[in-house]
Structures are given as structure tokens and as C-alpha cells.
């Protein structure tokens, strides 16, 4: 299975970063290609929580269904992703305190169905670029919401 991994420094505490990651309804404000997103399972995010997203990737719209595989507040969030009802991959967000911020690593293992697998190198590059942009957008989102001194 192809693997993409990107990381960056987010200028907020791990708890604030994690809160943004599990705010599925708000993810459309920073996650590239997402036009609609909502948590389907009521209550706090935990293992088994389900969410849906409407995404456009490489010009192709799709309905995404996700399930939280692992939820460790302030540390890690692992998501199982299905696109149009078919397994699409697993995204693992890992948070590590670094100075006054958080080192955010996103690792994505993905599958392309049938003949689409021939496009893996191109798709892998696109996912890598989008993921790096998503980490930067996450930084802007949580840093702008963080309390300011003075």
C-alpha cells in the first residue's frame, strides 16, 4: 500500500491541535478539498466514532465515510477512510509537544482501485502536497484561535 508522510510545527498546544482534528464539522475550514464534513456518531470522539465528508480530489468529487480507529487526546488520531463505499486508506495524525507548539505528523496509507492503481505515483505526489498544505492550514486555524499574551 502506498505511504505518504508529512510533518510540520503547529503553533499551539497538543490539546488545541487535537481539538481541531476531532472537530469533524469544522474540518472543512482547513482540510483541502473538503466542502462538507460532519460527525455522524453523537458524543465525544472516541474509537468507533463515524463521520462523513464531501471531498474533491484531483477534480473528482466523492463521498467519504470515516471511522475513528484510535483516539488519544493530545497525542494521536487514527482514521479509517472509505471513498464511495470502498476502502481508501488510513490516516494517522501524531502530535508531539515541541517548545510552545506541537510537531504534527500525518501518515497516510492509501489504496487506489483497479486501473487507478497505475496513477499511484501521481496521486502520491498530490496527496503529499495536499497533506503538507493541510498541516500549514491547521497551524493557521489553531494559531489564530489561541489566546494571545499582552
N, C-alpha and C. Protein backbone atom coordinates (compact mmCIF):
# COMPACT_ATOMS: atom_id res chain seq x y z
N UNK A 1 0.84 -1.17 0.00
CA UNK A 1 0.00 0.00 0.00
C UNK A 1 0.90 1.24 0.00
N UNK A 2 0.65 2.20 -0.90
CA UNK A 2 1.47 3.42 -0.93
C UNK A 2 1.35 4.19 0.38
N UNK A 3 2.44 4.86 0.74
CA UNK A 3 2.54 5.57 2.01
C UNK A 3 3.04 6.99 1.77
N UNK A 4 2.39 7.96 2.40
CA UNK A 4 2.81 9.36 2.36
C UNK A 4 2.91 9.83 3.79
N UNK A 5 3.96 10.59 4.09
CA UNK A 5 4.14 11.11 5.44
C UNK A 5 4.65 12.55 5.34
N UNK A 6 4.00 13.44 6.06
CA UNK A 6 4.41 14.85 6.10
C UNK A 6 4.30 15.32 7.54
N UNK A 7 5.08 16.35 7.88
CA UNK A 7 5.01 16.89 9.23
C UNK A 7 5.32 18.37 9.22
N UNK A 8 4.93 19.02 10.30
CA UNK A 8 5.20 20.44 10.45
C UNK A 8 4.93 20.87 11.87
N UNK A 9 5.38 22.08 12.19
CA UNK A 9 5.19 22.64 13.53
C UNK A 9 3.91 23.47 13.53
N UNK A 10 3.04 23.17 14.47
CA UNK A 10 1.82 23.95 14.66
C UNK A 10 1.99 24.75 15.94
N UNK A 11 1.72 26.04 15.86
CA UNK A 11 1.98 26.96 16.97
C UNK A 11 0.81 26.99 17.95
N UNK A 12 0.55 25.85 18.55
CA UNK A 12 -0.49 25.70 19.57
C UNK A 12 -0.19 24.42 20.35
N UNK A 13 -0.78 24.32 21.52
CA UNK A 13 -0.58 23.14 22.37
C UNK A 13 -1.23 21.91 21.75
N UNK A 14 -0.71 20.72 22.07
CA UNK A 14 -1.31 19.48 21.53
C UNK A 14 -2.81 19.37 21.76
N UNK A 15 -3.31 19.81 22.90
CA UNK A 15 -4.75 19.72 23.17
C UNK A 15 -5.55 20.55 22.17
N UNK A 16 -5.05 21.73 21.81
CA UNK A 16 -5.76 22.59 20.84
C UNK A 16 -5.70 21.99 19.44
N UNK A 17 -4.56 21.40 19.09
CA UNK A 17 -4.42 20.78 17.78
C UNK A 17 -5.36 19.57 17.69
N UNK A 18 -5.37 18.76 18.72
CA UNK A 18 -6.24 17.58 18.75
C UNK A 18 -7.71 18.00 18.64
N UNK A 19 -8.08 19.05 19.36
CA UNK A 19 -9.46 19.53 19.31
C UNK A 19 -9.85 19.91 17.89
N UNK A 20 -8.95 20.52 17.14
CA UNK A 20 -9.24 20.87 15.75
C UNK A 20 -9.35 19.62 14.89
N UNK A 21 -8.50 18.63 15.14
CA UNK A 21 -8.55 17.39 14.36
C UNK A 21 -9.87 16.64 14.55
N UNK A 22 -10.39 16.63 15.76
CA UNK A 22 -11.62 15.88 16.03
C UNK A 22 -12.88 16.72 15.83
N UNK A 23 -12.72 17.97 15.44
CA UNK A 23 -13.86 18.81 15.10
C UNK A 23 -14.20 18.54 13.63
N UNK A 24 -14.84 17.40 13.38
CA UNK A 24 -15.13 16.99 12.00
C UNK A 24 -16.00 18.03 11.29
N UNK A 25 -16.95 18.63 12.01
CA UNK A 25 -17.81 19.64 11.39
C UNK A 25 -16.99 20.84 10.92
N UNK A 26 -15.94 21.17 11.63
CA UNK A 26 -15.11 22.33 11.29
C UNK A 26 -13.95 22.03 10.37
N UNK A 27 -13.74 20.76 10.03
CA UNK A 27 -12.55 20.41 9.23
C UNK A 27 -12.59 21.01 7.83
N UNK A 28 -13.78 21.35 7.34
CA UNK A 28 -13.87 21.94 6.00
C UNK A 28 -13.20 23.32 5.94
N UNK A 29 -12.91 23.91 7.11
CA UNK A 29 -12.26 25.22 7.12
C UNK A 29 -10.75 25.13 6.94
N UNK A 30 -10.18 23.93 7.02
CA UNK A 30 -8.72 23.83 6.87
C UNK A 30 -8.27 22.61 6.07
N UNK A 31 -9.11 21.63 5.89
CA UNK A 31 -8.72 20.40 5.19
C UNK A 31 -9.02 20.55 3.70
N UNK A 32 -7.98 20.44 2.87
CA UNK A 32 -8.12 20.70 1.44
C UNK A 32 -9.11 19.76 0.77
N UNK A 33 -9.90 20.31 -0.12
CA UNK A 33 -10.83 19.53 -0.91
C UNK A 33 -12.12 19.15 -0.20
N UNK A 34 -12.28 19.53 1.05
CA UNK A 34 -13.47 19.17 1.81
C UNK A 34 -14.49 20.31 1.73
N UNK A 35 -15.66 20.02 1.17
CA UNK A 35 -16.70 21.04 1.07
C UNK A 35 -17.78 20.86 2.13
N UNK A 36 -17.88 19.66 2.67
CA UNK A 36 -18.84 19.39 3.73
C UNK A 36 -18.29 18.27 4.60
N UNK A 37 -18.50 18.39 5.90
CA UNK A 37 -17.98 17.39 6.83
C UNK A 37 -18.85 17.41 8.08
N UNK A 38 -19.16 16.22 8.59
CA UNK A 38 -19.93 16.18 9.83
C UNK A 38 -19.68 14.88 10.58
N UNK A 39 -19.73 15.00 11.88
CA UNK A 39 -19.65 13.83 12.75
C UNK A 39 -21.03 13.19 12.78
N UNK A 40 -21.09 11.89 12.52
CA UNK A 40 -22.36 11.16 12.46
C UNK A 40 -22.70 10.56 13.83
N UNK A 41 -21.71 10.05 14.52
CA UNK A 41 -21.91 9.44 15.84
C UNK A 41 -21.96 10.55 16.88
N UNK A 42 -23.04 10.61 17.68
CA UNK A 42 -23.13 11.66 18.70
C UNK A 42 -22.12 11.44 19.83
N UNK A 43 -21.81 12.53 20.53
CA UNK A 43 -20.95 12.45 21.70
C UNK A 43 -19.51 12.74 21.38
N UNK A 44 -18.66 12.59 22.41
CA UNK A 44 -17.23 12.85 22.23
C UNK A 44 -16.62 11.86 21.24
N UNK A 45 -15.57 12.32 20.56
CA UNK A 45 -14.88 11.46 19.59
C UNK A 45 -14.09 10.40 20.35
N UNK A 46 -14.32 9.15 19.95
CA UNK A 46 -13.61 8.01 20.54
C UNK A 46 -13.53 6.92 19.49
N UNK A 47 -12.87 5.83 19.82
CA UNK A 47 -12.80 4.69 18.90
C UNK A 47 -14.22 4.30 18.48
N UNK A 48 -14.42 4.19 17.15
CA UNK A 48 -15.72 3.84 16.62
C UNK A 48 -16.56 5.01 16.15
N UNK A 49 -16.17 6.24 16.51
CA UNK A 49 -16.90 7.42 16.05
C UNK A 49 -16.87 7.46 14.52
N UNK A 50 -18.02 7.80 13.94
CA UNK A 50 -18.13 7.86 12.47
C UNK A 50 -18.34 9.29 12.03
N UNK A 51 -17.83 9.59 10.82
CA UNK A 51 -18.01 10.91 10.23
C UNK A 51 -18.14 10.75 8.72
N UNK A 52 -18.67 11.78 8.08
CA UNK A 52 -18.77 11.79 6.62
C UNK A 52 -18.17 13.10 6.10
N UNK A 53 -17.69 13.04 4.87
CA UNK A 53 -17.16 14.24 4.21
C UNK A 53 -17.53 14.20 2.73
N UNK A 54 -17.69 15.36 2.17
CA UNK A 54 -17.81 15.51 0.72
C UNK A 54 -16.50 16.14 0.29
N UNK A 55 -15.75 15.44 -0.59
CA UNK A 55 -14.41 15.88 -1.00
C UNK A 55 -14.29 15.94 -2.51
N UNK A 56 -13.34 16.74 -2.93
CA UNK A 56 -12.93 16.74 -4.33
C UNK A 56 -11.42 16.53 -4.31
N UNK A 57 -10.97 15.46 -4.94
CA UNK A 57 -9.55 15.15 -5.03
C UNK A 57 -9.20 14.96 -6.49
N UNK A 58 -8.22 15.73 -6.94
CA UNK A 58 -7.79 15.67 -8.34
C UNK A 58 -8.99 15.86 -9.28
N UNK A 59 -9.88 16.79 -8.90
CA UNK A 59 -11.03 17.11 -9.72
C UNK A 59 -12.19 16.13 -9.65
N UNK A 60 -12.04 15.11 -8.83
CA UNK A 60 -13.07 14.07 -8.75
C UNK A 60 -13.81 14.15 -7.41
N UNK A 61 -15.14 14.46 -7.46
CA UNK A 61 -15.89 14.51 -6.21
C UNK A 61 -16.16 13.11 -5.66
N UNK A 62 -16.25 13.02 -4.35
CA UNK A 62 -16.52 11.73 -3.73
C UNK A 62 -17.12 11.93 -2.35
N UNK A 63 -17.92 10.97 -1.94
CA UNK A 63 -18.42 10.92 -0.58
C UNK A 63 -17.49 10.03 0.22
N UNK A 64 -17.02 10.55 1.34
CA UNK A 64 -16.08 9.84 2.18
C UNK A 64 -16.77 9.48 3.50
N UNK A 65 -16.58 8.24 3.91
CA UNK A 65 -17.07 7.79 5.22
C UNK A 65 -15.84 7.42 6.03
N UNK A 66 -15.81 7.87 7.26
CA UNK A 66 -14.66 7.59 8.11
C UNK A 66 -15.07 7.03 9.45
N UNK A 67 -14.14 6.27 10.01
CA UNK A 67 -14.32 5.71 11.35
C UNK A 67 -13.04 5.95 12.13
N UNK A 68 -13.19 6.41 13.36
CA UNK A 68 -12.03 6.60 14.23
C UNK A 68 -11.58 5.23 14.72
N UNK A 69 -10.32 4.88 14.39
CA UNK A 69 -9.75 3.61 14.86
C UNK A 69 -9.06 3.78 16.21
N UNK A 70 -8.50 4.98 16.44
CA UNK A 70 -7.77 5.24 17.69
C UNK A 70 -7.89 6.72 18.00
N UNK A 71 -8.22 7.04 19.24
CA UNK A 71 -8.35 8.42 19.67
C UNK A 71 -7.65 8.59 21.01
N UNK A 72 -6.50 9.22 20.98
CA UNK A 72 -5.74 9.53 22.19
C UNK A 72 -5.62 11.03 22.28
N UNK A 73 -6.50 11.69 23.06
CA UNK A 73 -6.49 13.16 23.13
C UNK A 73 -5.10 13.73 23.36
N UNK A 74 -4.77 14.71 22.52
CA UNK A 74 -3.48 15.38 22.62
C UNK A 74 -2.30 14.59 22.09
N UNK A 75 -2.55 13.36 21.60
CA UNK A 75 -1.43 12.52 21.17
C UNK A 75 -1.60 11.94 19.77
N UNK A 76 -2.74 11.29 19.49
CA UNK A 76 -2.87 10.60 18.21
C UNK A 76 -4.34 10.38 17.83
N UNK A 77 -4.58 10.48 16.52
CA UNK A 77 -5.88 10.20 15.96
C UNK A 77 -5.67 9.36 14.71
N UNK A 78 -6.30 8.18 14.65
CA UNK A 78 -6.17 7.29 13.50
C UNK A 78 -7.55 7.11 12.88
N UNK A 79 -7.63 7.36 11.57
CA UNK A 79 -8.90 7.34 10.85
C UNK A 79 -8.87 6.33 9.73
N UNK A 80 -9.90 5.50 9.67
CA UNK A 80 -10.10 4.56 8.56
C UNK A 80 -11.03 5.26 7.58
N UNK A 81 -10.61 5.36 6.33
CA UNK A 81 -11.34 6.13 5.33
C UNK A 81 -11.87 5.22 4.22
N UNK A 82 -13.14 5.41 3.89
CA UNK A 82 -13.76 4.74 2.74
C UNK A 82 -14.23 5.83 1.79
N UNK A 83 -13.99 5.64 0.52
CA UNK A 83 -14.40 6.60 -0.50
C UNK A 83 -15.42 5.91 -1.40
N UNK A 84 -16.59 6.52 -1.51
CA UNK A 84 -17.67 5.93 -2.30
C UNK A 84 -17.93 4.48 -1.88
N UNK A 85 -17.85 4.22 -0.57
CA UNK A 85 -18.16 2.90 -0.03
C UNK A 85 -17.04 1.88 -0.12
N UNK A 86 -15.88 2.26 -0.68
CA UNK A 86 -14.77 1.31 -0.83
C UNK A 86 -13.59 1.75 0.04
N UNK A 87 -12.84 0.79 0.60
CA UNK A 87 -11.68 1.16 1.42
C UNK A 87 -10.73 2.06 0.62
N UNK A 88 -10.34 3.17 1.24
CA UNK A 88 -9.45 4.11 0.56
C UNK A 88 -8.13 4.29 1.29
N UNK A 89 -8.12 4.07 2.61
CA UNK A 89 -6.86 4.22 3.31
C UNK A 89 -7.03 4.49 4.79
N UNK A 90 -5.89 4.75 5.40
CA UNK A 90 -5.83 5.06 6.83
C UNK A 90 -4.96 6.29 7.00
N UNK A 91 -5.47 7.26 7.76
CA UNK A 91 -4.71 8.48 8.08
C UNK A 91 -4.39 8.47 9.56
N UNK A 92 -3.11 8.67 9.88
CA UNK A 92 -2.67 8.70 11.28
C UNK A 92 -2.05 10.06 11.57
N UNK A 93 -2.68 10.79 12.48
CA UNK A 93 -2.19 12.09 12.93
C UNK A 93 -1.52 11.88 14.28
N UNK A 94 -0.23 12.21 14.37
CA UNK A 94 0.53 12.04 15.61
C UNK A 94 1.00 13.42 16.08
N UNK A 95 0.78 13.72 17.35
CA UNK A 95 1.09 15.02 17.93
C UNK A 95 2.16 14.85 19.00
N UNK A 96 3.21 15.67 18.90
CA UNK A 96 4.30 15.63 19.87
C UNK A 96 4.60 17.05 20.32
N UNK A 97 4.59 17.31 21.64
CA UNK A 97 4.92 18.66 22.10
C UNK A 97 6.31 19.06 21.62
N UNK A 98 6.44 20.30 21.19
CA UNK A 98 7.74 20.83 20.76
C UNK A 98 7.78 22.31 21.09
N UNK A 99 8.60 22.67 22.07
CA UNK A 99 8.65 24.06 22.51
C UNK A 99 7.27 24.51 22.97
N UNK A 100 6.82 25.65 22.45
CA UNK A 100 5.50 26.17 22.80
C UNK A 100 4.42 25.65 21.84
N UNK A 101 4.80 24.74 20.94
CA UNK A 101 3.86 24.25 19.94
C UNK A 101 3.77 22.74 19.90
N UNK A 102 3.39 22.24 18.74
CA UNK A 102 3.18 20.80 18.56
C UNK A 102 3.74 20.37 17.21
N UNK A 103 4.56 19.35 17.22
CA UNK A 103 5.02 18.73 15.98
C UNK A 103 3.89 17.81 15.52
N UNK A 104 3.35 18.09 14.34
CA UNK A 104 2.24 17.32 13.79
C UNK A 104 2.76 16.48 12.64
N UNK A 105 2.54 15.17 12.75
CA UNK A 105 2.91 14.26 11.66
C UNK A 105 1.64 13.60 11.15
N UNK A 106 1.47 13.61 9.85
CA UNK A 106 0.33 12.92 9.24
C UNK A 106 0.88 11.85 8.30
N UNK A 107 0.54 10.61 8.57
CA UNK A 107 0.95 9.48 7.73
C UNK A 107 -0.31 8.92 7.09
N UNK A 108 -0.27 8.76 5.77
CA UNK A 108 -1.42 8.25 5.04
C UNK A 108 -1.01 7.03 4.23
N UNK A 109 -1.72 5.94 4.46
CA UNK A 109 -1.58 4.74 3.64
C UNK A 109 -2.86 4.66 2.82
N UNK A 110 -2.72 4.59 1.50
CA UNK A 110 -3.91 4.65 0.67
C UNK A 110 -3.95 3.54 -0.38
N UNK A 111 -5.16 3.32 -0.89
CA UNK A 111 -5.39 2.31 -1.93
C UNK A 111 -6.08 2.99 -3.10
N UNK A 112 -5.70 2.59 -4.30
CA UNK A 112 -6.41 3.03 -5.50
C UNK A 112 -7.01 1.80 -6.15
N UNK A 113 -8.29 1.87 -6.49
CA UNK A 113 -8.95 0.69 -7.05
C UNK A 113 -8.59 0.44 -8.51
N UNK A 114 -8.58 -0.82 -8.89
CA UNK A 114 -8.44 -1.24 -10.29
C UNK A 114 -7.33 -0.55 -11.06
N UNK A 115 -7.68 -0.08 -12.24
CA UNK A 115 -6.69 0.56 -13.12
C UNK A 115 -6.19 1.90 -12.58
N UNK A 116 -6.93 2.47 -11.62
CA UNK A 116 -6.46 3.70 -10.99
C UNK A 116 -5.11 3.50 -10.32
N UNK A 117 -4.79 2.26 -9.96
CA UNK A 117 -3.51 1.97 -9.32
C UNK A 117 -2.33 2.39 -10.20
N UNK A 118 -2.55 2.46 -11.51
CA UNK A 118 -1.49 2.90 -12.42
C UNK A 118 -1.12 4.36 -12.18
N UNK A 119 -2.02 5.10 -11.57
CA UNK A 119 -1.78 6.52 -11.30
C UNK A 119 -1.15 6.76 -9.93
N UNK A 120 -0.75 5.71 -9.24
CA UNK A 120 -0.23 5.83 -7.88
C UNK A 120 0.87 6.88 -7.74
N UNK A 121 1.90 6.93 -8.60
CA UNK A 121 2.94 7.95 -8.40
C UNK A 121 2.39 9.38 -8.45
N UNK A 122 1.49 9.65 -9.37
CA UNK A 122 0.92 10.99 -9.48
C UNK A 122 0.04 11.29 -8.26
N UNK A 123 -0.79 10.34 -7.88
CA UNK A 123 -1.68 10.53 -6.74
C UNK A 123 -0.87 10.70 -5.45
N UNK A 124 0.18 9.93 -5.32
CA UNK A 124 1.02 10.02 -4.12
C UNK A 124 1.61 11.42 -3.99
N UNK A 125 2.07 11.99 -5.10
CA UNK A 125 2.62 13.35 -5.08
C UNK A 125 1.56 14.38 -4.72
N UNK A 126 0.36 14.21 -5.25
CA UNK A 126 -0.73 15.12 -4.95
C UNK A 126 -1.12 15.04 -3.48
N UNK A 127 -1.23 13.83 -2.96
CA UNK A 127 -1.58 13.65 -1.55
C UNK A 127 -0.50 14.26 -0.66
N UNK A 128 0.76 14.07 -1.00
CA UNK A 128 1.85 14.65 -0.21
C UNK A 128 1.74 16.17 -0.16
N UNK A 129 1.51 16.78 -1.31
CA UNK A 129 1.40 18.24 -1.39
C UNK A 129 0.18 18.73 -0.60
N UNK A 130 -0.94 18.06 -0.77
CA UNK A 130 -2.15 18.46 -0.04
C UNK A 130 -1.98 18.29 1.46
N UNK A 131 -1.34 17.21 1.87
CA UNK A 131 -1.15 16.96 3.30
C UNK A 131 -0.27 18.03 3.93
N UNK A 132 0.81 18.42 3.24
CA UNK A 132 1.67 19.48 3.77
C UNK A 132 0.86 20.78 3.88
N UNK A 133 0.06 21.08 2.86
CA UNK A 133 -0.79 22.26 2.91
C UNK A 133 -1.82 22.19 4.02
N UNK A 134 -2.34 21.00 4.28
CA UNK A 134 -3.32 20.83 5.36
C UNK A 134 -2.69 21.10 6.72
N UNK A 135 -1.46 20.66 6.92
CA UNK A 135 -0.78 20.91 8.20
C UNK A 135 -0.56 22.42 8.36
N UNK A 136 -0.18 23.10 7.30
CA UNK A 136 0.02 24.55 7.35
C UNK A 136 -1.31 25.26 7.63
N UNK A 137 -2.40 24.80 7.00
CA UNK A 137 -3.73 25.39 7.23
C UNK A 137 -4.21 25.12 8.66
N UNK A 138 -3.90 23.93 9.18
CA UNK A 138 -4.23 23.59 10.56
C UNK A 138 -3.50 24.54 11.51
N UNK A 139 -2.25 24.83 11.21
CA UNK A 139 -1.47 25.78 12.01
C UNK A 139 -2.15 27.15 12.02
N UNK A 140 -2.54 27.63 10.85
CA UNK A 140 -3.20 28.95 10.77
C UNK A 140 -4.50 28.94 11.57
N UNK A 141 -5.26 27.85 11.47
CA UNK A 141 -6.54 27.77 12.18
C UNK A 141 -6.35 27.79 13.69
N UNK A 142 -5.51 26.91 14.21
CA UNK A 142 -5.39 26.82 15.68
C UNK A 142 -4.58 27.99 16.24
N UNK A 143 -3.59 28.47 15.50
CA UNK A 143 -2.80 29.60 15.98
C UNK A 143 -3.65 30.86 16.07
N UNK A 144 -4.58 31.03 15.12
CA UNK A 144 -5.45 32.22 15.15
C UNK A 144 -6.46 32.15 16.29
N UNK A 145 -6.77 30.94 16.74
CA UNK A 145 -7.74 30.77 17.83
C UNK A 145 -7.07 30.76 19.21
N UNK A 146 -5.73 30.64 19.23
CA UNK A 146 -5.01 30.55 20.50
C UNK A 146 -5.05 31.90 21.23
N UNK A 147 -5.15 31.88 22.56
CA UNK A 147 -5.13 33.13 23.31
C UNK A 147 -3.79 33.83 23.12
N UNK A 148 -3.83 35.12 23.09
CA UNK A 148 -2.61 35.92 22.89
C UNK A 148 -2.24 36.59 24.21
N UNK A 149 -0.94 36.69 24.44
CA UNK A 149 -0.45 37.39 25.64
C UNK A 149 -0.38 38.88 25.36
N UNK A 150 -0.65 39.68 26.40
CA UNK A 150 -0.43 41.11 26.30
C UNK A 150 -1.61 41.83 25.94
